[in-house]
Protein backbone atom coordinates (compact mmCIF):
# COMPACT_ATOMS: atom_id res chain seq x y z
CA MET A 1 -71.76 78.80 5.18
CA ILE A 2 -72.07 78.80 1.39
CA LEU A 3 -68.87 79.75 -0.46
CA PHE A 4 -68.80 81.12 -4.02
CA ASP A 5 -65.15 80.68 -5.00
CA GLU A 6 -63.96 82.88 -7.91
CA PHE A 7 -67.43 84.34 -8.17
CA GLU A 8 -66.85 86.39 -11.34
CA LYS A 9 -65.58 83.31 -13.22
CA THR A 10 -68.40 81.02 -12.13
CA TYR A 11 -71.00 83.65 -13.03
CA ASP A 12 -69.23 85.24 -15.98
CA GLU A 13 -72.37 86.64 -17.64
CA ARG A 14 -74.05 89.75 -16.26
CA GLY A 15 -77.46 88.08 -16.27
CA ASP A 16 -76.12 85.19 -14.19
CA GLN A 17 -74.94 87.55 -11.44
CA GLU A 18 -78.14 89.59 -11.47
CA ALA A 19 -80.17 86.40 -11.09
CA ILE A 20 -78.92 85.90 -7.53
CA LEU A 21 -79.40 89.49 -6.35
CA THR A 22 -82.65 88.60 -4.60
CA LEU A 23 -80.83 85.80 -2.76
CA LEU A 24 -78.25 88.24 -1.43
CA ASP A 25 -80.96 90.87 -0.74
CA GLY A 26 -82.40 88.58 1.90
CA VAL A 27 -85.71 88.06 0.11
CA PHE A 28 -85.43 84.38 1.00
CA PRO A 29 -84.87 84.20 4.80
CA SER A 30 -81.93 81.98 5.68
CA LYS A 31 -79.52 81.42 8.55
CA LYS A 32 -76.73 80.66 6.10
CA LEU A 33 -73.65 82.84 5.65
CA PHE A 34 -72.78 83.62 2.03
CA MET A 35 -69.12 84.29 1.22
CA LEU A 36 -67.79 85.33 -2.20
CA THR A 37 -64.22 85.57 -3.50
CA CYS A 38 -63.08 87.16 -6.74
CA ASN A 39 -59.82 87.93 -8.53
CA ASP A 40 -61.06 90.61 -10.96
CA LYS A 41 -63.17 93.19 -9.15
CA TRP A 42 -64.31 94.88 -12.34
CA ARG A 43 -66.14 91.76 -13.45
CA VAL A 44 -68.43 91.81 -10.42
CA ASP A 45 -71.85 93.30 -11.20
CA GLN A 46 -72.02 97.02 -10.41
CA HIS A 47 -75.28 96.51 -8.49
CA MET A 48 -73.30 94.66 -5.82
CA ARG A 49 -70.76 97.43 -5.29
CA ASN A 50 -71.34 99.85 -2.42
CA ARG A 51 -74.44 97.86 -1.48
CA PRO A 52 -73.99 96.55 2.09
CA GLY A 53 -77.57 95.29 1.88
CA ARG A 54 -76.32 92.67 -0.56
CA ILE A 55 -72.66 92.23 0.38
CA PHE A 56 -72.07 93.54 3.88
CA TYR A 57 -68.34 93.06 4.53
CA LEU A 58 -65.38 93.27 2.18
CA ILE A 59 -61.71 92.38 2.58
CA ASP A 60 -59.23 93.72 0.05
CA PHE A 61 -56.20 91.39 -0.08
CA LYS A 62 -53.01 93.23 -1.01
CA GLY A 63 -50.44 90.48 -0.53
CA LEU A 64 -48.50 89.09 2.42
CA ASP A 65 -46.55 91.33 4.77
CA ALA A 66 -43.11 90.55 6.19
CA GLU A 67 -44.56 89.58 9.57
CA PHE A 68 -46.76 86.85 8.09
CA ILE A 69 -43.98 85.60 5.79
CA THR A 70 -41.59 85.33 8.74
CA GLU A 71 -44.14 83.51 10.88
CA TYR A 72 -44.94 81.03 8.11
CA CYS A 73 -41.26 80.34 7.41
CA VAL A 74 -40.51 79.82 11.11
CA ASP A 75 -43.18 77.10 11.13
CA ASN A 76 -42.45 75.50 7.74
CA LEU A 77 -38.99 76.34 6.37
CA ASP A 78 -36.09 74.02 7.18
CA ALA A 79 -33.25 76.49 6.55
CA LYS A 80 -34.52 79.38 8.67
CA GLU A 81 -31.38 81.45 8.04
CA HIS A 82 -32.89 82.30 4.63
CA ILE A 83 -35.98 84.02 6.10
CA PRO A 84 -34.62 87.61 5.73
CA ARG A 85 -33.75 86.87 2.08
CA ILE A 86 -37.27 85.57 1.39
CA CYS A 87 -38.71 88.79 2.85
CA GLN A 88 -36.43 90.80 0.59
CA ILE A 89 -37.52 88.87 -2.49
CA ALA A 90 -41.19 89.25 -1.51
CA SER A 91 -40.75 93.03 -1.42
CA LEU A 92 -39.89 92.95 -5.15
CA PHE A 93 -43.55 92.12 -5.79
CA GLY A 94 -46.45 94.49 -5.37
CA GLU A 95 -48.56 91.57 -4.14
CA PHE A 96 -46.64 88.51 -2.94
CA ASN A 97 -49.38 85.93 -2.32
CA PHE A 98 -49.63 82.75 -0.25
CA ASP A 99 -49.47 80.49 -3.31
CA MET A 100 -46.05 81.96 -4.15
CA LEU A 101 -44.75 81.72 -0.59
CA LYS A 102 -45.87 78.12 -0.18
CA ALA A 103 -44.25 77.10 -3.48
CA VAL A 104 -40.92 78.77 -2.62
CA VAL A 105 -40.75 77.15 0.83
CA GLU A 106 -41.64 73.70 -0.51
CA GLU A 107 -39.03 74.00 -3.27
CA MET A 108 -36.34 75.08 -0.82
CA ASN A 109 -37.15 72.21 1.56
CA ARG A 110 -37.28 69.67 -1.26
CA TYR A 111 -33.86 70.43 -2.75
CA GLY A 112 -32.06 72.32 0.03
CA GLU A 113 -31.80 75.40 -2.19
CA SER A 114 -31.46 79.10 -1.50
CA PRO A 115 -34.49 81.35 -2.22
CA SER A 116 -32.93 82.62 -5.47
CA ASP A 117 -32.16 79.11 -6.70
CA ALA A 118 -35.62 77.86 -5.75
CA MET A 119 -37.31 80.65 -7.72
CA ARG A 120 -35.12 80.31 -10.80
CA ILE A 121 -37.68 78.26 -12.76
CA LEU A 122 -40.78 78.71 -10.61
CA ASN A 123 -43.73 80.51 -12.18
CA THR A 124 -43.03 83.43 -9.84
CA LYS A 125 -41.35 86.38 -11.55
CA PRO A 126 -41.25 90.07 -10.46
CA GLU A 127 -41.64 91.15 -14.09
CA PHE A 128 -45.11 89.56 -14.15
CA ASP A 129 -46.19 91.76 -11.25
CA GLY A 130 -48.27 94.84 -11.93
CA GLY A 131 -46.06 96.95 -9.68
CA SER A 132 -46.80 99.33 -6.81
CA ASP A 133 -46.99 103.04 -6.08
CA PHE A 134 -43.87 104.52 -4.48
CA ILE A 135 -43.02 107.71 -2.64
CA ILE A 136 -39.84 109.24 -4.09
CA HIS A 137 -37.16 110.94 -1.99
CA LEU A 138 -34.18 112.21 -3.96
CA THR A 139 -31.02 113.82 -2.62
CA LYS A 140 -27.90 115.16 -4.33
CA GLY A 141 -24.78 115.89 -2.35
CA GLY A 142 -26.76 115.29 0.84
CA LYS A 143 -29.42 117.90 -0.05
CA THR A 144 -33.05 117.04 -0.77
CA VAL A 145 -34.16 118.14 -4.23
CA LYS A 146 -37.58 118.34 -5.82
CA VAL A 147 -38.65 115.43 -8.00
CA HIS A 148 -40.99 116.15 -10.89
CA ASP A 149 -42.72 112.81 -11.19
CA LYS A 150 -44.13 109.95 -9.15
CA PHE A 151 -43.30 106.31 -9.69
CA HIS A 152 -45.48 103.28 -10.30
CA GLY A 153 -44.11 99.88 -11.23
CA ASN A 154 -41.34 97.53 -10.22
CA PRO A 155 -38.11 99.51 -9.70
CA LEU A 156 -35.89 96.50 -10.46
CA SER A 157 -37.53 95.32 -13.67
CA ARG A 158 -36.28 98.13 -15.91
CA THR A 159 -34.35 101.40 -16.11
CA VAL A 160 -36.14 104.14 -14.17
CA ASP A 161 -35.66 107.85 -14.97
CA PHE A 162 -36.09 110.64 -12.41
CA TRP A 163 -36.16 114.36 -13.20
CA TYR A 164 -35.25 116.91 -10.54
CA ASP A 165 -34.34 120.59 -10.04
CA LEU A 166 -30.65 121.42 -10.15
CA GLU A 167 -31.29 124.41 -7.86
CA PRO A 168 -34.11 123.69 -5.39
CA GLY A 169 -36.13 126.81 -4.59
CA ASN A 170 -35.16 128.59 -7.81
CA PRO A 171 -38.16 128.73 -10.19
CA ASP A 172 -35.79 129.27 -13.11
CA SER A 173 -33.64 126.26 -12.25
CA ASP A 174 -32.70 123.83 -14.99
CA ASN A 175 -33.83 120.23 -14.78
CA ALA A 176 -31.55 117.22 -14.55
CA ASN A 177 -32.12 113.53 -15.02
CA VAL A 178 -30.77 110.43 -13.33
CA SER A 179 -31.40 106.89 -14.60
CA VAL A 180 -31.09 103.96 -12.19
CA THR A 181 -31.22 100.21 -12.68
CA ALA A 182 -30.95 97.15 -10.45
CA ASN A 183 -27.15 97.54 -10.65
CA ASP A 184 -27.44 100.85 -8.75
CA LEU A 185 -29.35 99.33 -5.83
CA VAL A 186 -27.43 99.77 -2.56
CA SER A 187 -30.01 98.54 -0.05
CA LEU A 188 -33.42 96.92 0.15
CA ASP A 189 -35.59 96.84 3.26
CA GLY A 190 -37.98 93.91 2.95
CA LYS A 191 -40.13 95.01 5.89
CA THR A 192 -40.94 98.50 4.64
CA GLY A 193 -40.56 97.89 0.90
CA THR A 194 -37.89 100.59 0.62
CA PHE A 195 -35.42 100.58 -2.30
CA THR A 196 -32.32 102.80 -2.13
CA PHE A 197 -30.35 103.57 -5.31
CA ALA A 198 -27.15 105.61 -5.62
CA LYS A 199 -25.61 106.97 -8.81
CA ASP A 200 -23.52 110.04 -9.73
CA GLU A 201 -23.82 111.69 -6.28
CA VAL A 202 -27.61 111.22 -6.41
CA THR A 203 -29.48 108.99 -3.97
CA VAL A 204 -33.01 107.88 -4.78
CA VAL A 205 -35.16 106.26 -2.08
CA LEU A 206 -38.40 104.60 -3.16
CA THR A 207 -40.82 103.57 -0.40
CA ARG A 208 -43.81 101.44 -1.29
CA ILE A 209 -47.19 102.95 -0.43
CA VAL A 210 -49.25 100.42 1.48
CA GLU A 211 -53.01 100.90 1.58
CA LYS A 212 -54.18 100.49 5.16
CA THR A 213 -57.89 101.08 4.55
CA PRO A 214 -59.10 99.61 1.25
CA TYR A 215 -61.97 101.20 -0.66
CA TYR A 216 -62.38 98.95 -3.67
CA PHE A 217 -62.96 95.25 -3.21
CA ASP A 218 -61.13 92.17 -4.40
CA ALA A 219 -62.81 89.66 -2.12
CA PHE A 220 -65.77 89.46 0.22
């Protein structure tokens, strides 16, 4: 196996990537397996995209799920009672990666700290995350009402505004607005990535959309 780690950084000029197309095309017979990884998919030459003859398989990494995080912590974390809290914190990120998980666990084991204390000065901050797409479900007084916008981002990093119909089903209904912040959070499900906010008789539930079948590529 021949591994090209961070392919788009090693071959950062278009001509450099095009120069190895014939190698990946199979012009030179070989029994070697070529594997490429990349962090920025848009810097990979367009002649390699949607070309299984050059790059046959692709794996799009979208971060660690709660099952993997739990399994890793069971094997490596000393204070296992903090596992649910780590899963909750991971859900604040659109893509919580292995580098982040490993650092948090090592820091907790080293100083006997809680997840929040361990992350206080780590280079792991939700505000640095690009955010995720969320499905919005809004109710007022127990009744579901129509929401006029979708949400993308990190729901705990800033104030989020939601517009909705005061009278669902009435085309002439006036619009209303509710603004929620982290202070309005009433529950957080780390396994499903669901955030529930409550304010002024309005409940807003944001559920992260997880891509099960990737189309674009981040790694090969």
